[in-house]
């Protein structure tokens, strides 16, 4: 049986990236193996020079950055506070907080190595916001693309 463990991204400067994820995004380090750091959030960063050795010849298997072909996704109730920290630390922001067609508010930015990071609000928050606006369960389900049972359960659990 195959078990997925975690996504792993390469970084140029381990200290810089550890600082970014640990201090700016407040991700707690689970294990630090110098060339590989695993965070409690379920992802790892790996030093590019070491990772390149594992892949083989750089001419045949080059590691590249800022390819815009994937992202690490996080959720929080504190979008505005995180955006403020990003701005204070001159982080390269792709887009500030915006509302997607399904109602979720999210932002995207680059980490120090050009990996896309998205931070969105939990969909439960979106459902509750729409419920507070007096949308029906059916309308919330349709707008968010969440199953109606999930919508009902979310509202029931929050006793709204």
N, C-alpha and C. Protein backbone atom coordinates (compact mmCIF):
# COMPACT_ATOMS: atom_id res chain seq x y z
N UNK A 1 0.84 -1.19 0.00
CA UNK A 1 0.00 0.00 0.00
C UNK A 1 0.88 1.25 0.00
N UNK A 2 0.59 2.16 -0.87
CA UNK A 2 1.34 3.40 -1.00
C UNK A 2 0.73 4.45 -0.07
N UNK A 3 1.57 5.12 0.72
CA UNK A 3 1.12 6.14 1.66
C UNK A 3 1.76 7.47 1.31
N UNK A 4 0.94 8.48 1.04
CA UNK A 4 1.44 9.82 0.79
C UNK A 4 1.89 10.41 2.12
N UNK A 5 3.08 11.04 2.13
CA UNK A 5 3.62 11.59 3.37
C UNK A 5 3.50 13.12 3.40
N UNK A 6 4.07 13.80 2.41
CA UNK A 6 4.00 15.27 2.42
C UNK A 6 4.57 15.84 1.14
N UNK A 7 4.17 17.07 0.80
CA UNK A 7 4.85 17.77 -0.29
C UNK A 7 6.19 18.28 0.21
N UNK A 8 7.16 18.34 -0.68
CA UNK A 8 8.50 18.80 -0.36
C UNK A 8 8.91 19.79 -1.44
N UNK A 9 9.31 20.98 -1.04
CA UNK A 9 9.75 21.98 -2.00
C UNK A 9 11.22 22.30 -1.77
N UNK A 10 11.91 22.64 -2.84
CA UNK A 10 13.33 22.99 -2.76
C UNK A 10 13.49 24.47 -2.48
N UNK A 11 14.56 24.77 -1.73
CA UNK A 11 14.85 26.16 -1.39
C UNK A 11 16.35 26.42 -1.59
N UNK A 12 16.67 27.64 -1.95
CA UNK A 12 18.07 28.03 -2.16
C UNK A 12 18.81 28.26 -0.84
N UNK A 13 18.14 28.87 0.11
CA UNK A 13 18.77 29.28 1.36
C UNK A 13 17.90 28.78 2.51
N UNK A 14 18.38 27.75 3.21
CA UNK A 14 17.59 27.10 4.26
C UNK A 14 17.26 28.07 5.39
N UNK A 15 18.20 28.88 5.79
CA UNK A 15 17.96 29.83 6.88
C UNK A 15 16.87 30.83 6.51
N UNK A 16 16.96 31.37 5.32
CA UNK A 16 15.98 32.35 4.85
C UNK A 16 14.59 31.72 4.77
N UNK A 17 14.52 30.51 4.24
CA UNK A 17 13.22 29.85 4.10
C UNK A 17 12.65 29.40 5.43
N UNK A 18 13.52 28.92 6.31
CA UNK A 18 13.05 28.54 7.65
C UNK A 18 12.47 29.77 8.34
N UNK A 19 13.15 30.89 8.26
CA UNK A 19 12.66 32.13 8.85
C UNK A 19 11.29 32.50 8.26
N UNK A 20 11.16 32.42 6.96
CA UNK A 20 9.90 32.76 6.29
C UNK A 20 8.75 31.89 6.80
N UNK A 21 8.93 30.59 6.74
CA UNK A 21 7.85 29.68 7.13
C UNK A 21 7.62 29.67 8.64
N UNK A 22 8.69 29.73 9.40
CA UNK A 22 8.57 29.65 10.86
C UNK A 22 8.09 30.98 11.46
N UNK A 23 8.66 32.08 11.05
CA UNK A 23 8.36 33.37 11.69
C UNK A 23 7.25 34.15 10.99
N UNK A 24 7.26 34.20 9.68
CA UNK A 24 6.24 35.00 8.99
C UNK A 24 4.93 34.23 8.86
N UNK A 25 5.00 32.96 8.43
CA UNK A 25 3.77 32.16 8.31
C UNK A 25 3.46 31.37 9.58
N UNK A 26 4.33 31.46 10.57
CA UNK A 26 4.14 30.84 11.88
C UNK A 26 3.89 29.33 11.81
N UNK A 27 4.67 28.65 10.98
CA UNK A 27 4.63 27.20 10.88
C UNK A 27 5.67 26.62 11.83
N UNK A 28 5.24 25.72 12.69
CA UNK A 28 6.14 25.15 13.69
C UNK A 28 6.98 24.03 13.09
N UNK A 29 8.27 24.06 13.38
CA UNK A 29 9.18 23.03 12.88
C UNK A 29 8.95 21.74 13.66
N UNK A 30 8.78 20.64 12.94
CA UNK A 30 8.64 19.34 13.56
C UNK A 30 10.01 18.69 13.69
N UNK A 31 10.75 18.64 12.56
CA UNK A 31 12.10 18.08 12.54
C UNK A 31 13.00 18.98 11.70
N UNK A 32 14.23 19.16 12.16
CA UNK A 32 15.21 19.93 11.42
C UNK A 32 16.43 19.04 11.19
N UNK A 33 16.62 18.64 9.94
CA UNK A 33 17.74 17.77 9.58
C UNK A 33 18.79 18.56 8.79
N UNK A 34 18.89 19.85 9.03
CA UNK A 34 19.81 20.77 8.36
C UNK A 34 19.44 20.98 6.88
N UNK A 35 19.53 19.96 6.08
CA UNK A 35 19.24 20.10 4.65
C UNK A 35 17.78 19.82 4.32
N UNK A 36 17.00 19.47 5.34
CA UNK A 36 15.60 19.13 5.17
C UNK A 36 14.88 19.49 6.47
N UNK A 37 13.86 20.33 6.37
CA UNK A 37 13.06 20.70 7.53
C UNK A 37 11.62 20.28 7.28
N UNK A 38 11.06 19.58 8.26
CA UNK A 38 9.66 19.18 8.18
C UNK A 38 8.86 20.02 9.16
N UNK A 39 7.76 20.59 8.68
CA UNK A 39 6.90 21.42 9.51
C UNK A 39 5.69 20.63 9.98
N UNK A 40 5.17 21.01 11.15
CA UNK A 40 4.00 20.33 11.70
C UNK A 40 2.79 20.45 10.77
N UNK A 41 2.79 21.46 9.93
CA UNK A 41 1.69 21.64 8.99
C UNK A 41 1.62 20.58 7.91
N UNK A 42 2.65 19.72 7.82
CA UNK A 42 2.59 18.62 6.87
C UNK A 42 3.33 18.83 5.56
N UNK A 43 4.31 19.70 5.54
CA UNK A 43 5.14 19.89 4.34
C UNK A 43 6.59 20.04 4.78
N UNK A 44 7.49 19.91 3.81
CA UNK A 44 8.93 20.00 4.08
C UNK A 44 9.60 20.93 3.09
N UNK A 45 10.71 21.50 3.54
CA UNK A 45 11.58 22.25 2.63
C UNK A 45 12.92 21.52 2.58
N UNK A 46 13.52 21.51 1.40
CA UNK A 46 14.75 20.74 1.18
C UNK A 46 15.74 21.65 0.46
N UNK A 47 16.96 21.67 0.94
CA UNK A 47 18.00 22.51 0.35
C UNK A 47 18.28 22.07 -1.09
N UNK A 48 18.24 23.03 -2.00
CA UNK A 48 18.38 22.74 -3.43
C UNK A 48 19.66 21.96 -3.75
N UNK A 49 20.80 22.37 -3.18
CA UNK A 49 22.05 21.70 -3.52
C UNK A 49 22.02 20.22 -3.14
N UNK A 50 21.44 19.91 -2.02
CA UNK A 50 21.32 18.51 -1.60
C UNK A 50 20.32 17.76 -2.47
N UNK A 51 19.19 18.40 -2.74
CA UNK A 51 18.16 17.77 -3.57
C UNK A 51 18.68 17.49 -4.98
N UNK A 52 19.47 18.43 -5.50
CA UNK A 52 20.04 18.25 -6.84
C UNK A 52 20.94 17.01 -6.87
N UNK A 53 21.70 16.78 -5.81
CA UNK A 53 22.54 15.58 -5.74
C UNK A 53 21.69 14.31 -5.77
N UNK A 54 20.54 14.35 -5.12
CA UNK A 54 19.65 13.18 -5.11
C UNK A 54 19.06 12.90 -6.49
N UNK A 55 18.80 13.98 -7.26
CA UNK A 55 18.23 13.82 -8.60
C UNK A 55 19.26 13.36 -9.62
N UNK A 56 20.47 13.83 -9.47
CA UNK A 56 21.51 13.52 -10.45
C UNK A 56 22.02 14.79 -11.11
N UNK A 57 22.57 14.62 -12.27
CA UNK A 57 23.20 15.73 -12.99
C UNK A 57 22.25 16.90 -13.21
N UNK A 58 22.74 18.10 -12.88
CA UNK A 58 21.93 19.29 -13.04
C UNK A 58 21.57 19.54 -14.50
N UNK A 59 22.43 19.16 -15.42
CA UNK A 59 22.14 19.36 -16.83
C UNK A 59 21.00 18.46 -17.31
N UNK A 60 20.85 17.31 -16.66
CA UNK A 60 19.80 16.37 -17.05
C UNK A 60 18.50 16.57 -16.25
N UNK A 61 18.63 16.91 -14.97
CA UNK A 61 17.47 17.07 -14.08
C UNK A 61 17.58 18.38 -13.29
N UNK A 62 17.49 19.52 -13.98
CA UNK A 62 17.68 20.79 -13.27
C UNK A 62 16.50 21.14 -12.35
N UNK A 63 16.83 21.67 -11.18
CA UNK A 63 15.82 22.18 -10.26
C UNK A 63 15.57 23.63 -10.65
N UNK A 64 14.31 24.02 -10.83
CA UNK A 64 14.00 25.40 -11.21
C UNK A 64 13.00 26.01 -10.23
N UNK A 65 12.99 27.32 -10.18
CA UNK A 65 12.13 28.06 -9.27
C UNK A 65 11.19 28.97 -10.03
N UNK A 66 10.15 29.41 -9.34
CA UNK A 66 9.14 30.34 -9.85
C UNK A 66 8.55 29.84 -11.18
N UNK A 67 8.11 28.60 -11.14
CA UNK A 67 7.51 27.99 -12.33
C UNK A 67 6.01 28.20 -12.40
N UNK A 68 5.39 28.68 -11.32
CA UNK A 68 3.96 28.96 -11.29
C UNK A 68 3.10 27.76 -11.68
N UNK A 69 3.53 26.56 -11.31
CA UNK A 69 2.76 25.39 -11.69
C UNK A 69 2.18 24.61 -10.52
N UNK A 70 2.37 25.11 -9.30
CA UNK A 70 1.76 24.50 -8.13
C UNK A 70 1.83 25.49 -6.99
N UNK A 71 1.14 25.17 -5.89
CA UNK A 71 1.17 26.05 -4.74
C UNK A 71 1.01 25.26 -3.46
N UNK A 72 1.45 25.85 -2.36
CA UNK A 72 1.13 25.33 -1.03
C UNK A 72 -0.09 26.11 -0.57
N UNK A 73 -1.08 25.40 -0.04
CA UNK A 73 -2.34 26.03 0.35
C UNK A 73 -2.52 25.93 1.86
N UNK A 74 -2.84 27.06 2.48
CA UNK A 74 -3.09 27.13 3.91
C UNK A 74 -4.46 27.79 4.13
N UNK A 75 -5.04 27.59 5.32
CA UNK A 75 -6.27 28.27 5.68
C UNK A 75 -6.09 28.95 7.03
N UNK A 76 -6.83 30.05 7.23
CA UNK A 76 -6.77 30.79 8.48
C UNK A 76 -8.01 31.67 8.64
N UNK A 77 -8.28 32.03 9.88
CA UNK A 77 -9.30 33.02 10.19
C UNK A 77 -8.69 34.42 10.23
N UNK A 78 -7.39 34.53 10.03
CA UNK A 78 -6.67 35.79 10.23
C UNK A 78 -6.02 36.30 8.94
N UNK A 79 -6.76 36.33 7.86
CA UNK A 79 -6.20 36.78 6.58
C UNK A 79 -5.60 38.18 6.66
N UNK A 80 -6.31 39.11 7.27
CA UNK A 80 -5.84 40.49 7.32
C UNK A 80 -4.53 40.61 8.10
N UNK A 81 -4.42 39.89 9.22
CA UNK A 81 -3.18 39.94 10.02
C UNK A 81 -2.00 39.37 9.24
N UNK A 82 -2.23 38.30 8.52
CA UNK A 82 -1.14 37.70 7.74
C UNK A 82 -0.75 38.63 6.60
N UNK A 83 -1.72 39.20 5.92
CA UNK A 83 -1.41 40.14 4.85
C UNK A 83 -0.56 41.30 5.38
N UNK A 84 -0.90 41.79 6.54
CA UNK A 84 -0.11 42.88 7.15
C UNK A 84 1.34 42.44 7.37
N UNK A 85 1.55 41.21 7.89
CA UNK A 85 2.92 40.71 8.09
C UNK A 85 3.65 40.57 6.77
N UNK A 86 2.96 40.13 5.74
CA UNK A 86 3.58 39.98 4.42
C UNK A 86 4.05 41.33 3.89
N UNK A 87 3.19 42.32 4.00
CA UNK A 87 3.53 43.66 3.52
C UNK A 87 4.70 44.23 4.33
N UNK A 88 4.65 44.06 5.66
CA UNK A 88 5.73 44.55 6.52
C UNK A 88 7.07 43.91 6.20
N UNK A 89 7.04 42.68 5.67
CA UNK A 89 8.27 41.96 5.33
C UNK A 89 8.59 42.01 3.84
N UNK A 90 7.93 42.90 3.10
CA UNK A 90 8.18 43.11 1.67
C UNK A 90 8.09 41.82 0.86
N UNK A 91 7.11 40.98 1.17
CA UNK A 91 6.90 39.73 0.44
C UNK A 91 6.26 40.05 -0.91
N UNK A 92 6.67 39.34 -1.96
CA UNK A 92 6.17 39.53 -3.32
C UNK A 92 4.75 38.97 -3.40
N UNK A 93 3.76 39.85 -3.40
CA UNK A 93 2.35 39.46 -3.37
C UNK A 93 1.81 39.36 -4.79
N UNK A 94 1.19 38.24 -5.10
CA UNK A 94 0.56 38.03 -6.41
C UNK A 94 -0.77 38.76 -6.44
N UNK A 95 -1.61 38.50 -5.45
CA UNK A 95 -2.84 39.29 -5.26
C UNK A 95 -3.20 39.32 -3.79
N UNK A 96 -3.66 40.48 -3.37
CA UNK A 96 -4.10 40.64 -1.98
C UNK A 96 -5.42 39.90 -1.81
N UNK A 97 -6.02 40.03 -0.66
CA UNK A 97 -7.26 39.30 -0.35
C UNK A 97 -8.34 39.68 -1.36
N UNK A 98 -8.87 38.65 -1.98
CA UNK A 98 -9.98 38.84 -2.91
C UNK A 98 -10.99 37.72 -2.71
N UNK A 99 -12.22 37.99 -3.09
CA UNK A 99 -13.27 36.98 -2.96
C UNK A 99 -13.43 36.25 -4.29
N UNK A 100 -13.33 34.92 -4.22
CA UNK A 100 -13.50 34.09 -5.42
C UNK A 100 -15.00 33.92 -5.71
N UNK A 101 -15.35 33.48 -6.91
CA UNK A 101 -16.77 33.32 -7.26
C UNK A 101 -17.54 32.40 -6.30
N UNK A 102 -16.88 31.46 -5.65
CA UNK A 102 -17.55 30.55 -4.72
C UNK A 102 -17.65 31.14 -3.32
N UNK A 103 -17.19 32.40 -3.16
CA UNK A 103 -17.37 33.12 -1.91
C UNK A 103 -16.18 33.12 -0.97
N UNK A 104 -15.21 32.29 -1.23
CA UNK A 104 -14.04 32.21 -0.33
C UNK A 104 -13.12 33.38 -0.57
N UNK A 105 -12.63 33.97 0.52
CA UNK A 105 -11.64 35.03 0.45
C UNK A 105 -10.26 34.40 0.56
N UNK A 106 -9.34 34.85 -0.31
CA UNK A 106 -8.00 34.26 -0.33
C UNK A 106 -7.00 35.25 -0.92
N UNK A 107 -5.72 34.95 -0.68
CA UNK A 107 -4.63 35.75 -1.26
C UNK A 107 -3.53 34.79 -1.70
N UNK A 108 -2.70 35.26 -2.62
CA UNK A 108 -1.56 34.48 -3.09
C UNK A 108 -0.31 35.36 -3.10
N UNK A 109 0.82 34.72 -2.85
CA UNK A 109 2.09 35.41 -2.83
C UNK A 109 3.19 34.38 -3.05
N UNK A 110 4.41 34.88 -3.24
CA UNK A 110 5.57 34.00 -3.43
C UNK A 110 6.36 33.87 -2.14
N UNK A 111 6.88 32.67 -1.89
CA UNK A 111 7.84 32.50 -0.80
C UNK A 111 9.19 33.01 -1.32
N UNK A 112 10.24 32.99 -0.51
CA UNK A 112 11.53 33.54 -0.96
C UNK A 112 12.11 32.86 -2.21
N UNK A 113 11.67 31.64 -2.53
CA UNK A 113 12.20 30.94 -3.70
C UNK A 113 11.24 30.93 -4.88
N UNK A 114 10.15 31.68 -4.77
CA UNK A 114 9.22 31.79 -5.89
C UNK A 114 8.15 30.71 -5.92
N UNK A 115 7.98 29.97 -4.84
CA UNK A 115 6.87 29.01 -4.77
C UNK A 115 5.61 29.78 -4.41
N UNK A 116 4.51 29.47 -5.06
CA UNK A 116 3.26 30.15 -4.78
C UNK A 116 2.67 29.63 -3.48
N UNK A 117 2.25 30.56 -2.64
CA UNK A 117 1.55 30.24 -1.41
C UNK A 117 0.16 30.86 -1.53
N UNK A 118 -0.86 30.06 -1.25
CA UNK A 118 -2.23 30.60 -1.17
C UNK A 118 -2.70 30.43 0.26
N UNK A 119 -3.32 31.46 0.78
CA UNK A 119 -3.96 31.37 2.09
C UNK A 119 -5.41 31.81 1.91
N UNK A 120 -6.31 30.92 2.29
CA UNK A 120 -7.73 31.21 2.18
C UNK A 120 -8.43 31.04 3.51
N UNK A 121 -9.63 31.57 3.57
CA UNK A 121 -10.44 31.34 4.77
C UNK A 121 -11.07 29.96 4.65
N UNK A 122 -11.31 29.29 5.78
CA UNK A 122 -11.96 27.98 5.72
C UNK A 122 -13.35 28.10 5.08
N UNK A 123 -13.74 27.09 4.33
CA UNK A 123 -15.05 27.13 3.68
C UNK A 123 -16.17 27.16 4.70
N UNK A 124 -15.93 26.65 5.89
CA UNK A 124 -16.94 26.75 6.94
C UNK A 124 -17.27 28.21 7.23
N UNK A 125 -16.26 29.07 7.21
CA UNK A 125 -16.48 30.50 7.43
C UNK A 125 -17.33 31.11 6.32
N UNK A 126 -17.09 30.68 5.10
CA UNK A 126 -17.86 31.17 3.96
C UNK A 126 -19.33 30.77 4.12
N UNK A 127 -19.54 29.51 4.47
CA UNK A 127 -20.90 29.01 4.67
C UNK A 127 -21.61 29.81 5.76
N UNK A 128 -20.93 30.04 6.87
CA UNK A 128 -21.53 30.79 7.97
C UNK A 128 -21.82 32.23 7.58
N UNK A 129 -20.93 32.84 6.81
CA UNK A 129 -21.14 34.21 6.35
C UNK A 129 -22.40 34.29 5.47
N UNK A 130 -22.54 33.32 4.55
CA UNK A 130 -23.72 33.30 3.69
C UNK A 130 -24.98 33.01 4.50
N UNK A 131 -24.87 32.14 5.49
CA UNK A 131 -26.03 31.83 6.34
C UNK A 131 -26.46 33.08 7.11
N UNK A 132 -25.49 33.86 7.60
CA UNK A 132 -25.80 35.10 8.31
C UNK A 132 -26.45 36.12 7.37
N UNK A 133 -26.19 35.99 6.06
CA UNK A 133 -26.81 36.87 5.07
C UNK A 133 -28.19 36.35 4.67
N UNK A 134 -28.64 35.32 5.35
CA UNK A 134 -29.98 34.73 5.17
C UNK A 134 -30.15 33.96 3.86
N UNK A 135 -29.04 33.46 3.29
CA UNK A 135 -29.17 32.58 2.13
C UNK A 135 -29.67 31.22 2.62
N UNK A 136 -30.45 30.55 1.80
CA UNK A 136 -30.94 29.21 2.15
C UNK A 136 -29.80 28.21 2.04
N UNK A 137 -29.97 27.05 2.67
CA UNK A 137 -28.96 25.99 2.56
C UNK A 137 -28.73 25.63 1.10
N UNK A 138 -29.80 25.57 0.33
CA UNK A 138 -29.67 25.23 -1.09
C UNK A 138 -28.86 26.28 -1.85
N UNK A 139 -29.16 27.55 -1.57
CA UNK A 139 -28.42 28.63 -2.24
C UNK A 139 -26.94 28.64 -1.83
N UNK A 140 -26.68 28.38 -0.54
CA UNK A 140 -25.29 28.32 -0.07
C UNK A 140 -24.57 27.17 -0.76
N UNK A 141 -25.21 26.03 -0.83
CA UNK A 141 -24.61 24.85 -1.47
C UNK A 141 -24.30 25.15 -2.94
N UNK A 142 -25.23 25.77 -3.61
CA UNK A 142 -25.04 26.09 -5.03
C UNK A 142 -23.90 27.10 -5.21
N UNK A 143 -23.88 28.15 -4.40
CA UNK A 143 -22.87 29.21 -4.53
C UNK A 143 -21.47 28.69 -4.22
N UNK A 144 -21.34 27.87 -3.16
CA UNK A 144 -20.02 27.42 -2.71
C UNK A 144 -19.56 26.11 -3.35
N UNK A 145 -20.48 25.42 -4.01
CA UNK A 145 -20.22 24.08 -4.57
C UNK A 145 -19.97 23.04 -3.47
N UNK A 146 -20.37 23.35 -2.25
CA UNK A 146 -20.25 22.40 -1.14
C UNK A 146 -21.53 21.57 -1.06
N UNK A 147 -21.40 20.29 -0.74
CA UNK A 147 -22.60 19.45 -0.62
C UNK A 147 -23.54 20.02 0.44
N UNK A 148 -24.83 19.90 0.19
CA UNK A 148 -25.81 20.47 1.10
C UNK A 148 -25.68 19.88 2.51
N UNK A 149 -25.33 18.60 2.61
CA UNK A 149 -25.14 17.99 3.93
C UNK A 149 -24.00 18.67 4.69
N UNK A 150 -22.94 19.06 3.97
CA UNK A 150 -21.83 19.77 4.60
C UNK A 150 -22.29 21.15 5.09
N UNK A 151 -23.09 21.82 4.28
CA UNK A 151 -23.61 23.13 4.65
C UNK A 151 -24.47 23.01 5.90
N UNK A 152 -25.39 22.07 5.90
CA UNK A 152 -26.27 21.87 7.05
C UNK A 152 -25.48 21.52 8.31
N UNK A 153 -24.52 20.64 8.16
CA UNK A 153 -23.69 20.21 9.31
C UNK A 153 -22.88 21.37 9.86
N UNK A 154 -22.31 22.18 8.98
CA UNK A 154 -21.51 23.33 9.41
C UNK A 154 -22.36 24.31 10.21
N UNK A 155 -23.54 24.62 9.72
CA UNK A 155 -24.41 25.56 10.42
C UNK A 155 -24.89 24.95 11.74
N UNK A 156 -25.22 23.69 11.73
CA UNK A 156 -25.69 23.01 12.95
C UNK A 156 -24.59 23.00 14.01
N UNK A 157 -23.35 22.70 13.63
CA UNK A 157 -22.24 22.63 14.58
C UNK A 157 -21.94 24.00 15.20
N UNK A 158 -22.17 25.06 14.46
CA UNK A 158 -21.90 26.41 14.98
C UNK A 158 -23.12 27.00 15.67
N UNK A 159 -24.24 26.25 15.69
CA UNK A 159 -25.47 26.67 16.38
C UNK A 159 -25.95 28.05 15.95
N UNK A 160 -25.96 28.26 14.65
CA UNK A 160 -26.44 29.55 14.14
C UNK A 160 -27.83 29.37 13.60
